[in-house]
């Protein structure tokens, strides 16, 4: 059985969260794989909510963002989504003190072809 999509959003209801994920947010296969791996981690509540990632995927291109500073990366799910959203010219300065957690996401960044956009 697949892990649930719902991660107890702080602001929106479960129904809205699930709608965003099912209808409004088309995450890449690689981002989905990283999300599912991360949900199995004992500290998975530290991952950015997929509804927030959906917002970044819409907002960053809309404002023409090409640079992001991310403080707190965990496994890099949000980092991956933001790098994909900004395209090959985007750059992320990602700040985290844990190699243990960020090492989970790095292979997914490579797989998605965005590792060179991320300065960790």
PDB file of N, CA and C in Angstrom:
ATOM      1  N   UNK A   1       0.838  -1.185   0.000  1.00  0.00           N
ATOM      2  CA  UNK A   1       0.000   0.000   0.000  1.00  0.00           C
ATOM      3  C   UNK A   1       0.883   1.248   0.000  1.00  0.00           C
ATOM      4  N   UNK A   2       0.578   2.177  -0.855  1.00  0.00           N
ATOM      5  CA  UNK A   2       1.359   3.421  -0.962  1.00  0.00           C
ATOM      6  C   UNK A   2       1.120   4.301   0.255  1.00  0.00           C
ATOM      7  N   UNK A   3       2.163   5.034   0.677  1.00  0.00           N
ATOM      8  CA  UNK A   3       1.966   5.966   1.793  1.00  0.00           C
ATOM      9  C   UNK A   3       0.930   7.020   1.420  1.00  0.00           C
ATOM     10  N   UNK A   4       0.196   7.514   2.401  1.00  0.00           N
ATOM     11  CA  UNK A   4      -0.813   8.532   2.101  1.00  0.00           C
ATOM     12  C   UNK A   4      -0.175   9.820   1.609  1.00  0.00           C
ATOM     13  N   UNK A   5      -0.906  10.546   0.772  1.00  0.00           N
ATOM     14  CA  UNK A   5      -0.435  11.836   0.278  1.00  0.00           C
ATOM     15  C   UNK A   5      -0.565  12.897   1.351  1.00  0.00           C
ATOM     16  N   UNK A   6      -1.561  12.743   2.188  1.00  0.00           N
ATOM     17  CA  UNK A   6      -1.900  13.770   3.166  1.00  0.00           C
ATOM     18  C   UNK A   6      -0.860  13.840   4.280  1.00  0.00           C
ATOM     19  N   UNK A   7      -0.397  15.042   4.589  1.00  0.00           N
ATOM     20  CA  UNK A   7       0.618  15.229   5.611  1.00  0.00           C
ATOM     21  C   UNK A   7       0.204  16.215   6.685  1.00  0.00           C
ATOM     22  N   UNK A   8      -1.061  16.265   7.040  1.00  0.00           N
ATOM     23  CA  UNK A   8      -1.545  17.180   8.065  1.00  0.00           C
ATOM     24  C   UNK A   8      -1.183  18.626   7.758  1.00  0.00           C
ATOM     25  N   UNK A   9      -1.716  19.173   6.673  1.00  0.00           N
ATOM     26  CA  UNK A   9      -1.406  20.576   6.371  1.00  0.00           C
ATOM     27  C   UNK A   9      -1.867  21.478   7.504  1.00  0.00           C
ATOM     28  N   UNK A  10      -1.127  22.539   7.689  1.00  0.00           N
ATOM     29  CA  UNK A  10      -1.393  23.424   8.803  1.00  0.00           C
ATOM     30  C   UNK A  10      -2.542  24.384   8.518  1.00  0.00           C
ATOM     31  N   UNK A  11      -2.819  24.675   7.261  1.00  0.00           N
ATOM     32  CA  UNK A  11      -3.788  25.708   6.925  1.00  0.00           C
ATOM     33  C   UNK A  11      -4.988  25.154   6.166  1.00  0.00           C
ATOM     34  N   UNK A  12      -4.767  24.227   5.266  1.00  0.00           N
ATOM     35  CA  UNK A  12      -5.858  23.751   4.409  1.00  0.00           C
ATOM     36  C   UNK A  12      -6.386  22.397   4.877  1.00  0.00           C
ATOM     37  N   UNK A  13      -7.586  22.092   4.470  1.00  0.00           N
ATOM     38  CA  UNK A  13      -8.218  20.828   4.863  1.00  0.00           C
ATOM     39  C   UNK A  13      -7.620  19.668   4.074  1.00  0.00           C
ATOM     40  N   UNK A  14      -7.863  18.459   4.563  1.00  0.00           N
ATOM     41  CA  UNK A  14      -7.406  17.260   3.874  1.00  0.00           C
ATOM     42  C   UNK A  14      -8.003  17.195   2.468  1.00  0.00           C
ATOM     43  N   UNK A  15      -9.266  17.558   2.325  1.00  0.00           N
ATOM     44  CA  UNK A  15      -9.936  17.499   1.024  1.00  0.00           C
ATOM     45  C   UNK A  15      -9.262  18.435   0.020  1.00  0.00           C
ATOM     46  N   UNK A  16      -8.947  19.647   0.442  1.00  0.00           N
ATOM     47  CA  UNK A  16      -8.280  20.597  -0.454  1.00  0.00           C
ATOM     48  C   UNK A  16      -6.871  20.112  -0.772  1.00  0.00           C
ATOM     49  N   UNK A  17      -6.171  19.632   0.237  1.00  0.00           N
ATOM     50  CA  UNK A  17      -4.814  19.109   0.027  1.00  0.00           C
ATOM     51  C   UNK A  17      -4.827  17.985  -1.011  1.00  0.00           C
ATOM     52  N   UNK A  18      -5.727  17.017  -0.830  1.00  0.00           N
ATOM     53  CA  UNK A  18      -5.794  15.890  -1.759  1.00  0.00           C
ATOM     54  C   UNK A  18      -6.197  16.339  -3.162  1.00  0.00           C
ATOM     55  N   UNK A  19      -7.084  17.330  -3.262  1.00  0.00           N
ATOM     56  CA  UNK A  19      -7.477  17.865  -4.565  1.00  0.00           C
ATOM     57  C   UNK A  19      -6.276  18.483  -5.277  1.00  0.00           C
ATOM     58  N   UNK A  20      -5.497  19.273  -4.547  1.00  0.00           N
ATOM     59  CA  UNK A  20      -4.309  19.905  -5.131  1.00  0.00           C
ATOM     60  C   UNK A  20      -3.371  18.836  -5.681  1.00  0.00           C
ATOM     61  N   UNK A  21      -3.163  17.780  -4.907  1.00  0.00           N
ATOM     62  CA  UNK A  21      -2.243  16.730  -5.346  1.00  0.00           C
ATOM     63  C   UNK A  21      -2.797  15.905  -6.504  1.00  0.00           C
ATOM     64  N   UNK A  22      -4.102  15.644  -6.485  1.00  0.00           N
ATOM     65  CA  UNK A  22      -4.699  14.815  -7.533  1.00  0.00           C
ATOM     66  C   UNK A  22      -4.952  15.576  -8.828  1.00  0.00           C
ATOM     67  N   UNK A  23      -5.364  16.827  -8.740  1.00  0.00           N
ATOM     68  CA  UNK A  23      -5.813  17.573  -9.907  1.00  0.00           C
ATOM     69  C   UNK A  23      -4.858  18.703 -10.289  1.00  0.00           C
ATOM     70  N   UNK A  24      -4.424  19.463  -9.297  1.00  0.00           N
ATOM     71  CA  UNK A  24      -3.732  20.707  -9.595  1.00  0.00           C
ATOM     72  C   UNK A  24      -2.226  20.665  -9.598  1.00  0.00           C
ATOM     73  N   UNK A  25      -1.613  19.603  -9.157  1.00  0.00           N
ATOM     74  CA  UNK A  25      -0.159  19.563  -9.030  1.00  0.00           C
ATOM     75  C   UNK A  25       0.368  18.345  -9.762  1.00  0.00           C
ATOM     76  N   UNK A  26       1.162  18.595 -10.764  1.00  0.00           N
ATOM     77  CA  UNK A  26       1.747  17.497 -11.523  1.00  0.00           C
ATOM     78  C   UNK A  26       3.231  17.452 -11.212  1.00  0.00           C
ATOM     79  N   UNK A  27       3.568  16.702 -10.153  1.00  0.00           N
ATOM     80  CA  UNK A  27       4.975  16.601  -9.782  1.00  0.00           C
ATOM     81  C   UNK A  27       5.661  15.611 -10.714  1.00  0.00           C
ATOM     82  N   UNK A  28       6.930  15.826 -10.923  1.00  0.00           N
ATOM     83  CA  UNK A  28       7.699  14.918 -11.773  1.00  0.00           C
ATOM     84  C   UNK A  28       7.771  13.550 -11.105  1.00  0.00           C
ATOM     85  N   UNK A  29       8.050  12.542 -11.898  1.00  0.00           N
ATOM     86  CA  UNK A  29       8.188  11.196 -11.339  1.00  0.00           C
ATOM     87  C   UNK A  29       9.301  11.149 -10.301  1.00  0.00           C
ATOM     88  N   UNK A  30      10.387  11.877 -10.560  1.00  0.00           N
ATOM     89  CA  UNK A  30      11.505  11.885  -9.621  1.00  0.00           C
ATOM     90  C   UNK A  30      11.121  12.562  -8.313  1.00  0.00           C
ATOM     91  N   UNK A  31      10.405  13.671  -8.385  1.00  0.00           N
ATOM     92  CA  UNK A  31       9.948  14.344  -7.164  1.00  0.00           C
ATOM     93  C   UNK A  31       9.001  13.433  -6.390  1.00  0.00           C
ATOM     94  N   UNK A  32       8.127  12.748  -7.093  1.00  0.00           N
ATOM     95  CA  UNK A  32       7.204  11.831  -6.429  1.00  0.00           C
ATOM     96  C   UNK A  32       7.971  10.706  -5.733  1.00  0.00           C
ATOM     97  N   UNK A  33       8.977  10.167  -6.405  1.00  0.00           N
ATOM     98  CA  UNK A  33       9.791   9.109  -5.800  1.00  0.00           C
ATOM     99  C   UNK A  33      10.453   9.605  -4.518  1.00  0.00           C
ATOM    100  N   UNK A  34      11.031  10.812  -4.559  1.00  0.00           N
ATOM    101  CA  UNK A  34      11.680  11.364  -3.368  1.00  0.00           C
ATOM    102  C   UNK A  34      10.655  11.615  -2.267  1.00  0.00           C
ATOM    103  N   UNK A  35       9.488  12.119  -2.631  1.00  0.00           N
ATOM    104  CA  UNK A  35       8.437  12.345  -1.635  1.00  0.00           C
ATOM    105  C   UNK A  35       8.057  11.044  -0.946  1.00  0.00           C
ATOM    106  N   UNK A  36       7.884   9.984  -1.722  1.00  0.00           N
ATOM    107  CA  UNK A  36       7.479   8.700  -1.147  1.00  0.00           C
ATOM    108  C   UNK A  36       8.578   8.102  -0.277  1.00  0.00           C
ATOM    109  N   UNK A  37       9.831   8.251  -0.681  1.00  0.00           N
ATOM    110  CA  UNK A  37      10.948   7.799   0.155  1.00  0.00           C
ATOM    111  C   UNK A  37      10.968   8.588   1.460  1.00  0.00           C
ATOM    112  N   UNK A  38      10.777   9.889   1.355  1.00  0.00           N
ATOM    113  CA  UNK A  38      10.826  10.759   2.533  1.00  0.00           C
ATOM    114  C   UNK A  38       9.685  10.461   3.497  1.00  0.00           C
ATOM    115  N   UNK A  39       8.497  10.129   2.991  1.00  0.00           N
ATOM    116  CA  UNK A  39       7.367   9.847   3.887  1.00  0.00           C
ATOM    117  C   UNK A  39       7.615   8.617   4.743  1.00  0.00           C
ATOM    118  N   UNK A  40       8.541   7.768   4.351  1.00  0.00           N
ATOM    119  CA  UNK A  40       8.874   6.583   5.149  1.00  0.00           C
ATOM    120  C   UNK A  40       9.888   6.893   6.247  1.00  0.00           C
ATOM    121  N   UNK A  41      10.496   8.066   6.203  1.00  0.00           N
ATOM    122  CA  UNK A  41      11.499   8.452   7.186  1.00  0.00           C
ATOM    123  C   UNK A  41      10.810   8.782   8.511  1.00  0.00           C
ATOM    124  N   UNK A  42      11.414   8.384   9.648  1.00  0.00           N
ATOM    125  CA  UNK A  42      10.795   8.677  10.945  1.00  0.00           C
ATOM    126  C   UNK A  42      10.547  10.169  11.209  1.00  0.00           C
ATOM    127  N   UNK A  43      11.310  11.038  10.567  1.00  0.00           N
ATOM    128  CA  UNK A  43      11.140  12.478  10.753  1.00  0.00           C
ATOM    129  C   UNK A  43      10.468  13.134   9.544  1.00  0.00           C
ATOM    130  N   UNK A  44       9.636  12.374   8.863  1.00  0.00           N
ATOM    131  CA  UNK A  44       9.033  12.857   7.617  1.00  0.00           C
ATOM    132  C   UNK A  44       8.209  14.122   7.780  1.00  0.00           C
ATOM    133  N   UNK A  45       7.775  14.439   8.989  1.00  0.00           N
ATOM    134  CA  UNK A  45       7.009  15.668   9.192  1.00  0.00           C
ATOM    135  C   UNK A  45       7.844  16.905   8.896  1.00  0.00           C
ATOM    136  N   UNK A  46       9.162  16.744   8.782  1.00  0.00           N
ATOM    137  CA  UNK A  46      10.022  17.889   8.451  1.00  0.00           C
ATOM    138  C   UNK A  46      10.001  18.213   6.952  1.00  0.00           C
ATOM    139  N   UNK A  47       9.458  17.319   6.142  1.00  0.00           N
ATOM    140  CA  UNK A  47       9.391  17.563   4.698  1.00  0.00           C
ATOM    141  C   UNK A  47       8.366  18.650   4.399  1.00  0.00           C
ATOM    142  N   UNK A  48       8.691  19.498   3.443  1.00  0.00           N
ATOM    143  CA  UNK A  48       7.718  20.481   2.974  1.00  0.00           C
ATOM    144  C   UNK A  48       6.493  19.776   2.435  1.00  0.00           C
ATOM    145  N   UNK A  49       5.336  20.311   2.740  1.00  0.00           N
ATOM    146  CA  UNK A  49       4.091  19.693   2.300  1.00  0.00           C
ATOM    147  C   UNK A  49       3.976  19.761   0.778  1.00  0.00           C
ATOM    148  N   UNK A  50       3.492  18.695   0.139  1.00  0.00           N
ATOM    149  CA  UNK A  50       3.325  18.718  -1.312  1.00  0.00           C
ATOM    150  C   UNK A  50       2.450  19.869  -1.814  1.00  0.00           C
ATOM    151  N   UNK A  51       1.488  20.322  -1.025  1.00  0.00           N
ATOM    152  CA  UNK A  51       0.672  21.474  -1.435  1.00  0.00           C
ATOM    153  C   UNK A  51       1.530  22.734  -1.488  1.00  0.00           C
ATOM    154  N   UNK A  52       2.494  22.844  -0.581  1.00  0.00           N
ATOM    155  CA  UNK A  52       3.423  23.977  -0.616  1.00  0.00           C
ATOM    156  C   UNK A  52       4.331  23.868  -1.847  1.00  0.00           C
ATOM    157  N   UNK A  53       4.761  22.658  -2.154  1.00  0.00           N
ATOM    158  CA  UNK A  53       5.586  22.453  -3.353  1.00  0.00           C
ATOM    159  C   UNK A  53       4.803  22.848  -4.604  1.00  0.00           C
ATOM    160  N   UNK A  54       3.508  22.526  -4.617  1.00  0.00           N
ATOM    161  CA  UNK A  54       2.665  22.906  -5.749  1.00  0.00           C
ATOM    162  C   UNK A  54       2.620  24.417  -5.896  1.00  0.00           C
ATOM    163  N   UNK A  55       2.561  25.120  -4.768  1.00  0.00           N
ATOM    164  CA  UNK A  55       2.542  26.579  -4.804  1.00  0.00           C
ATOM    165  C   UNK A  55       3.857  27.105  -5.378  1.00  0.00           C
ATOM    166  N   UNK A  56       4.981  26.541  -4.932  1.00  0.00           N
ATOM    167  CA  UNK A  56       6.283  26.966  -5.460  1.00  0.00           C
ATOM    168  C   UNK A  56       6.374  26.707  -6.965  1.00  0.00           C
ATOM    169  N   UNK A  57       5.858  25.563  -7.390  1.00  0.00           N
ATOM    170  CA  UNK A  57       5.922  25.212  -8.815  1.00  0.00           C
ATOM    171  C   UNK A  57       5.142  26.204  -9.669  1.00  0.00           C
ATOM    172  N   UNK A  58       4.081  26.761  -9.122  1.00  0.00           N
ATOM    173  CA  UNK A  58       3.281  27.763  -9.825  1.00  0.00           C
ATOM    174  C   UNK A  58       3.873  29.165  -9.669  1.00  0.00           C
ATOM    175  N   UNK A  59       4.263  29.509  -8.454  1.00  0.00           N
ATOM    176  CA  UNK A  59       4.684  30.870  -8.132  1.00  0.00           C
ATOM    177  C   UNK A  59       6.052  31.244  -8.720  1.00  0.00           C
ATOM    178  N   UNK A  60       7.030  30.368  -8.606  1.00  0.00           N
ATOM    179  CA  UNK A  60       8.382  30.724  -9.058  1.00  0.00           C
ATOM    180  C   UNK A  60       8.437  31.095 -10.540  1.00  0.00           C
ATOM    181  N   UNK A  61       7.869  30.308 -11.444  1.00  0.00           N
ATOM    182  CA  UNK A  61       7.872  30.738 -12.847  1.00  0.00           C
ATOM    183  C   UNK A  61       7.012  31.987 -13.088  1.00  0.00           C
ATOM    184  N   UNK A  62       5.927  32.111 -12.322  1.00  0.00           N
ATOM    185  CA  UNK A  62       5.036  33.261 -12.512  1.00  0.00           C
ATOM    186  C   UNK A  62       5.737  34.583 -12.227  1.00  0.00           C
ATOM    187  N   UNK A  63       6.645  34.590 -11.248  1.00  0.00           N
ATOM    188  CA  UNK A  63       7.357  35.821 -10.912  1.00  0.00           C
ATOM    189  C   UNK A  63       8.722  35.894 -11.586  1.00  0.00           C
ATOM    190  N   UNK A  64       9.045  34.890 -12.383  1.00  0.00           N
ATOM    191  CA  UNK A  64      10.325  34.880 -13.089  1.00  0.00           C
ATOM    192  C   UNK A  64      11.515  34.651 -12.176  1.00  0.00           C
ATOM    193  N   UNK A  65      11.306  33.963 -11.064  1.00  0.00           N
ATOM    194  CA  UNK A  65      12.392  33.716 -10.107  1.00  0.00           C
ATOM    195  C   UNK A  65      13.484  32.857 -10.735  1.00  0.00           C
ATOM    196  N   UNK A  66      14.714  33.252 -10.499  1.00  0.00           N
ATOM    197  CA  UNK A  66      15.864  32.485 -10.976  1.00  0.00           C
ATOM    198  C   UNK A  66      16.831  32.148  -9.851  1.00  0.00           C
ATOM    199  N   UNK A  67      16.577  32.705  -8.657  1.00  0.00           N
ATOM    200  CA  UNK A  67      17.419  32.428  -7.493  1.00  0.00           C
ATOM    201  C   UNK A  67      16.543  32.225  -6.272  1.00  0.00           C
ATOM    202  N   UNK A  68      16.897  31.210  -5.476  1.00  0.00           N
ATOM    203  CA  UNK A  68      16.174  30.900  -4.251  1.00  0.00           C
ATOM    204  C   UNK A  68      17.193  30.593  -3.163  1.00  0.00           C
ATOM    205  N   UNK A  69      16.918  31.062  -1.961  1.00  0.00           N
ATOM    206  CA  UNK A  69      17.669  30.632  -0.781  1.00  0.00           C
ATOM    207  C   UNK A  69      16.719  29.783   0.042  1.00  0.00           C
ATOM    208  N   UNK A  70      17.115  28.552   0.289  1.00  0.00           N
ATOM    209  CA  UNK A  70      16.288  27.648   1.091  1.00  0.00           C
ATOM    210  C   UNK A  70      17.023  27.350   2.391  1.00  0.00           C
ATOM    211  N   UNK A  71      16.390  27.659   3.497  1.00  0.00           N
ATOM    212  CA  UNK A  71      16.969  27.405   4.808  1.00  0.00           C
ATOM    213  C   UNK A  71      16.263  26.195   5.407  1.00  0.00           C
ATOM    214  N   UNK A  72      16.996  25.101   5.522  1.00  0.00           N
ATOM    215  CA  UNK A  72      16.429  23.847   5.997  1.00  0.00           C
ATOM    216  C   UNK A  72      15.972  23.015   4.818  1.00  0.00           C
ATOM    217  N   UNK A  73      16.750  22.026   4.456  1.00  0.00           N
ATOM    218  CA  UNK A  73      16.515  21.246   3.244  1.00  0.00           C
ATOM    219  C   UNK A  73      15.869  19.891   3.535  1.00  0.00           C
ATOM    220  N   UNK A  74      16.197  19.309   4.668  1.00  0.00           N
ATOM    221  CA  UNK A  74      15.815  17.940   5.030  1.00  0.00           C
ATOM    222  C   UNK A  74      16.264  17.004   3.906  1.00  0.00           C
ATOM    223  N   UNK A  75      15.349  16.304   3.228  1.00  0.00           N
ATOM    224  CA  UNK A  75      15.778  15.396   2.156  1.00  0.00           C
ATOM    225  C   UNK A  75      15.794  16.058   0.786  1.00  0.00           C
ATOM    226  N   UNK A  76      15.378  17.301   0.717  1.00  0.00           N
ATOM    227  CA  UNK A  76      15.470  18.037  -0.535  1.00  0.00           C
ATOM    228  C   UNK A  76      14.289  17.918  -1.471  1.00  0.00           C
ATOM    229  N   UNK A  77      13.128  17.490  -0.964  1.00  0.00           N
ATOM    230  CA  UNK A  77      11.942  17.398  -1.819  1.00  0.00           C
ATOM    231  C   UNK A  77      11.547  18.767  -2.371  1.00  0.00           C
ATOM    232  N   UNK A  78      11.391  19.749  -1.501  1.00  0.00           N
ATOM    233  CA  UNK A  78      11.021  21.091  -1.963  1.00  0.00           C
ATOM    234  C   UNK A  78      12.118  21.678  -2.847  1.00  0.00           C
ATOM    235  N   UNK A  79      13.357  21.388  -2.505  1.00  0.00           N
ATOM    236  CA  UNK A  79      14.494  21.858  -3.295  1.00  0.00           C
ATOM    237  C   UNK A  79      14.384  21.355  -4.726  1.00  0.00           C
ATOM    238  N   UNK A  80      14.096  20.085  -4.867  1.00  0.00           N
ATOM    239  CA  UNK A  80      13.952  19.471  -6.188  1.00  0.00           C
ATOM    240  C   UNK A  80      12.818  20.113  -6.971  1.00  0.00           C
ATOM    241  N   UNK A  81      11.674  20.273  -6.350  1.00  0.00           N
ATOM    242  CA  UNK A  81      10.515  20.864  -7.037  1.00  0.00           C
ATOM    243  C   UNK A  81      10.822  22.297  -7.466  1.00  0.00           C
ATOM    244  N   UNK A  82      11.466  23.067  -6.589  1.00  0.00           N
ATOM    245  CA  UNK A  82      11.785  24.458  -6.939  1.00  0.00           C
ATOM    246  C   UNK A  82      12.803  24.526  -8.074  1.00  0.00           C
ATOM    247  N   UNK A  83      13.812  23.660  -8.052  1.00  0.00           N
ATOM    248  CA  UNK A  83      14.809  23.652  -9.130  1.00  0.00           C
ATOM    249  C   UNK A  83      14.146  23.314 -10.462  1.00  0.00           C
ATOM    250  N   UNK A  84      13.263  22.336 -10.457  1.00  0.00           N
ATOM    251  CA  UNK A  84      12.543  21.989 -11.686  1.00  0.00           C
ATOM    252  C   UNK A  84      11.677  23.156 -12.152  1.00  0.00           C
ATOM    253  N   UNK A  85      11.030  23.831 -11.216  1.00  0.00           N
ATOM    254  CA  UNK A  85      10.119  24.927 -11.560  1.00  0.00           C
ATOM    255  C   UNK A  85      10.854  26.096 -12.199  1.00  0.00           C
ATOM    256  N   UNK A  86      12.071  26.369 -11.746  1.00  0.00           N
ATOM    257  CA  UNK A  86      12.820  27.516 -12.284  1.00  0.00           C
ATOM    258  C   UNK A  86      13.514  27.206 -13.600  1.00  0.00           C
ATOM    259  N   UNK A  87      13.626  25.952 -13.950  1.00  0.00           N
ATOM    260  CA  UNK A  87      14.280  25.594 -15.196  1.00  0.00           C
ATOM    261  C   UNK A  87      15.795  25.624 -15.079  1.00  0.00           C
ATOM    262  N   UNK A  88      16.485  25.344 -16.177  1.00  0.00           N
ATOM    263  CA  UNK A  88      17.941  25.181 -16.134  1.00  0.00           C
ATOM    264  C   UNK A  88      18.725  26.439 -15.756  1.00  0.00           C
ATOM    265  N   UNK A  89      18.112  27.609 -15.855  1.00  0.00           N
ATOM    266  CA  UNK A  89      18.809  28.845 -15.475  1.00  0.00           C
ATOM    267  C   UNK A  89      18.643  29.168 -13.991  1.00  0.00           C
ATOM    268  N   UNK A  90      17.824  28.427 -13.271  1.00  0.00           N
ATOM    269  CA  UNK A  90      17.588  28.693 -11.859  1.00  0.00           C
ATOM    270  C   UNK A  90      18.710  28.172 -10.988  1.00  0.00           C
ATOM    271  N   UNK A  91      18.905  28.840  -9.862  1.00  0.00           N
ATOM    272  CA  UNK A  91      19.933  28.444  -8.891  1.00  0.00           C
ATOM    273  C   UNK A  91      19.325  28.468  -7.495  1.00  0.00           C
ATOM    274  N   UNK A  92      19.692  27.487  -6.688  1.00  0.00           N
ATOM    275  CA  UNK A  92      19.239  27.426  -5.307  1.00  0.00           C
ATOM    276  C   UNK A  92      20.446  27.358  -4.389  1.00  0.00           C
ATOM    277  N   UNK A  93      20.482  28.258  -3.423  1.00  0.00           N
ATOM    278  CA  UNK A  93      21.444  28.180  -2.336  1.00  0.00           C
ATOM    279  C   UNK A  93      20.701  27.479  -1.208  1.00  0.00           C
ATOM    280  N   UNK A  94      21.048  26.220  -0.974  1.00  0.00           N
ATOM    281  CA  UNK A  94      20.339  25.382  -0.014  1.00  0.00           C
ATOM    282  C   UNK A  94      21.197  25.231   1.242  1.00  0.00           C
ATOM    283  N   UNK A  95      20.616  25.596   2.387  1.00  0.00           N
ATOM    284  CA  UNK A  95      21.358  25.590   3.645  1.00  0.00           C
ATOM    285  C   UNK A  95      20.803  24.529   4.589  1.00  0.00           C
ATOM    286  N   UNK A  96      21.675  23.615   5.009  1.00  0.00           N
ATOM    287  CA  UNK A  96      21.280  22.598   5.974  1.00  0.00           C
ATOM    288  C   UNK A  96      22.542  22.086   6.660  1.00  0.00           C
ATOM    289  N   UNK A  97      22.420  21.696   7.910  1.00  0.00           N
ATOM    290  CA  UNK A  97      23.582  21.207   8.653  1.00  0.00           C
ATOM    291  C   UNK A  97      23.683  19.691   8.658  1.00  0.00           C
ATOM    292  N   UNK A  98      22.712  18.995   8.077  1.00  0.00           N
ATOM    293  CA  UNK A  98      22.669  17.540   8.149  1.00  0.00           C
ATOM    294  C   UNK A  98      23.022  16.876   6.826  1.00  0.00           C
ATOM    295  N   UNK A  99      24.177  16.251   6.778  1.00  0.00           N
ATOM    296  CA  UNK A  99      24.517  15.439   5.606  1.00  0.00           C
ATOM    297  C   UNK A  99      23.672  14.168   5.565  1.00  0.00           C
ATOM    298  N   UNK A 100      23.277  13.697   6.752  1.00  0.00           N
ATOM    299  CA  UNK A 100      22.474  12.478   6.832  1.00  0.00           C
ATOM    300  C   UNK A 100      21.171  12.615   6.039  1.00  0.00           C
ATOM    301  N   UNK A 101      20.469  13.734   6.225  1.00  0.00           N
ATOM    302  CA  UNK A 101      19.188  13.914   5.560  1.00  0.00           C
ATOM    303  C   UNK A 101      19.355  14.342   4.103  1.00  0.00           C
ATOM    304  N   UNK A 102      20.251  15.287   3.843  1.00  0.00           N
ATOM    305  CA  UNK A 102      20.407  15.781   2.472  1.00  0.00           C
ATOM    306  C   UNK A 102      20.954  14.698   1.544  1.00  0.00           C
ATOM    307  N   UNK A 103      21.701  13.739   2.089  1.00  0.00           N
ATOM    308  CA  UNK A 103      22.235  12.669   1.243  1.00  0.00           C
ATOM    309  C   UNK A 103      21.129  11.773   0.694  1.00  0.00           C
ATOM    310  N   UNK A 104      19.974  11.788   1.325  1.00  0.00           N
ATOM    311  CA  UNK A 104      18.833  11.025   0.807  1.00  0.00           C
ATOM    312  C   UNK A 104      18.357  11.630  -0.510  1.00  0.00           C
ATOM    313  N   UNK A 105      18.313  12.949  -0.585  1.00  0.00           N
ATOM    314  CA  UNK A 105      17.782  13.614  -1.773  1.00  0.00           C
ATOM    315  C   UNK A 105      18.758  13.800  -2.915  1.00  0.00           C
ATOM    316  N   UNK A 106      20.055  13.859  -2.618  1.00  0.00           N
ATOM    317  CA  UNK A 106      21.036  14.149  -3.670  1.00  0.00           C
ATOM    318  C   UNK A 106      20.945  13.216  -4.882  1.00  0.00           C
ATOM    319  N   UNK A 107      20.775  11.919  -4.700  1.00  0.00           N
ATOM    320  CA  UNK A 107      20.634  11.056  -5.888  1.00  0.00           C
ATOM    321  C   UNK A 107      19.415  11.405  -6.745  1.00  0.00           C
ATOM    322  N   UNK A 108      18.361  11.874  -6.106  1.00  0.00           N
ATOM    323  CA  UNK A 108      17.156  12.274  -6.839  1.00  0.00           C
ATOM    324  C   UNK A 108      17.404  13.580  -7.606  1.00  0.00           C
ATOM    325  N   UNK A 109      18.187  14.481  -7.016  1.00  0.00           N
ATOM    326  CA  UNK A 109      18.554  15.712  -7.726  1.00  0.00           C
ATOM    327  C   UNK A 109      19.335  15.354  -8.990  1.00  0.00           C
ATOM    328  N   UNK A 110      20.258  14.397  -8.850  1.00  0.00           N
ATOM    329  CA  UNK A 110      21.033  13.942 -10.022  1.00  0.00           C
ATOM    330  C   UNK A 110      20.116  13.329 -11.065  1.00  0.00           C
ATOM    331  N   UNK A 111      19.224  12.449 -10.616  1.00  0.00           N
ATOM    332  CA  UNK A 111      18.299  11.766 -11.533  1.00  0.00           C
ATOM    333  C   UNK A 111      17.434  12.762 -12.295  1.00  0.00           C
ATOM    334  N   UNK A 112      17.018  13.834 -11.610  1.00  0.00           N
ATOM    335  CA  UNK A 112      16.161  14.849 -12.235  1.00  0.00           C
ATOM    336  C   UNK A 112      16.952  15.826 -13.094  1.00  0.00           C
ATOM    337  N   UNK A 113      18.277  15.769 -13.006  1.00  0.00           N
ATOM    338  CA  UNK A 113      19.112  16.676 -13.807  1.00  0.00           C
ATOM    339  C   UNK A 113      19.179  18.088 -13.256  1.00  0.00           C
ATOM    340  N   UNK A 114      18.957  18.259 -11.939  1.00  0.00           N
ATOM    341  CA  UNK A 114      18.989  19.603 -11.358  1.00  0.00           C
ATOM    342  C   UNK A 114      20.118  19.789 -10.334  1.00  0.00           C
ATOM    343  N   UNK A 115      20.930  18.772 -10.112  1.00  0.00           N
ATOM    344  CA  UNK A 115      21.973  18.847  -9.093  1.00  0.00           C
ATOM    345  C   UNK A 115      22.916  20.026  -9.303  1.00  0.00           C
ATOM    346  N   UNK A 116      23.202  20.346 -10.549  1.00  0.00           N
ATOM    347  CA  UNK A 116      24.126  21.452 -10.823  1.00  0.00           C
ATOM    348  C   UNK A 116      23.500  22.823 -10.551  1.00  0.00           C
ATOM    349  N   UNK A 117      22.190  22.851 -10.309  1.00  0.00           N
ATOM    350  CA  UNK A 117      21.502  24.103  -9.983  1.00  0.00           C
ATOM    351  C   UNK A 117      21.467  24.362  -8.483  1.00  0.00           C
ATOM    352  N   UNK A 118      21.888  23.359  -7.697  1.00  0.00           N
ATOM    353  CA  UNK A 118      21.743  23.427  -6.251  1.00  0.00           C
ATOM    354  C   UNK A 118      23.118  23.510  -5.591  1.00  0.00           C
ATOM    355  N   UNK A 119      23.326  24.585  -4.852  1.00  0.00           N
ATOM    356  CA  UNK A 119      24.552  24.775  -4.089  1.00  0.00           C
ATOM    357  C   UNK A 119      24.219  24.493  -2.634  1.00  0.00           C
ATOM    358  N   UNK A 120      24.626  23.315  -2.152  1.00  0.00           N
ATOM    359  CA  UNK A 120      24.296  22.888  -0.797  1.00  0.00           C
ATOM    360  C   UNK A 120      25.474  23.169   0.120  1.00  0.00           C
TER     361      UNK A 120
END
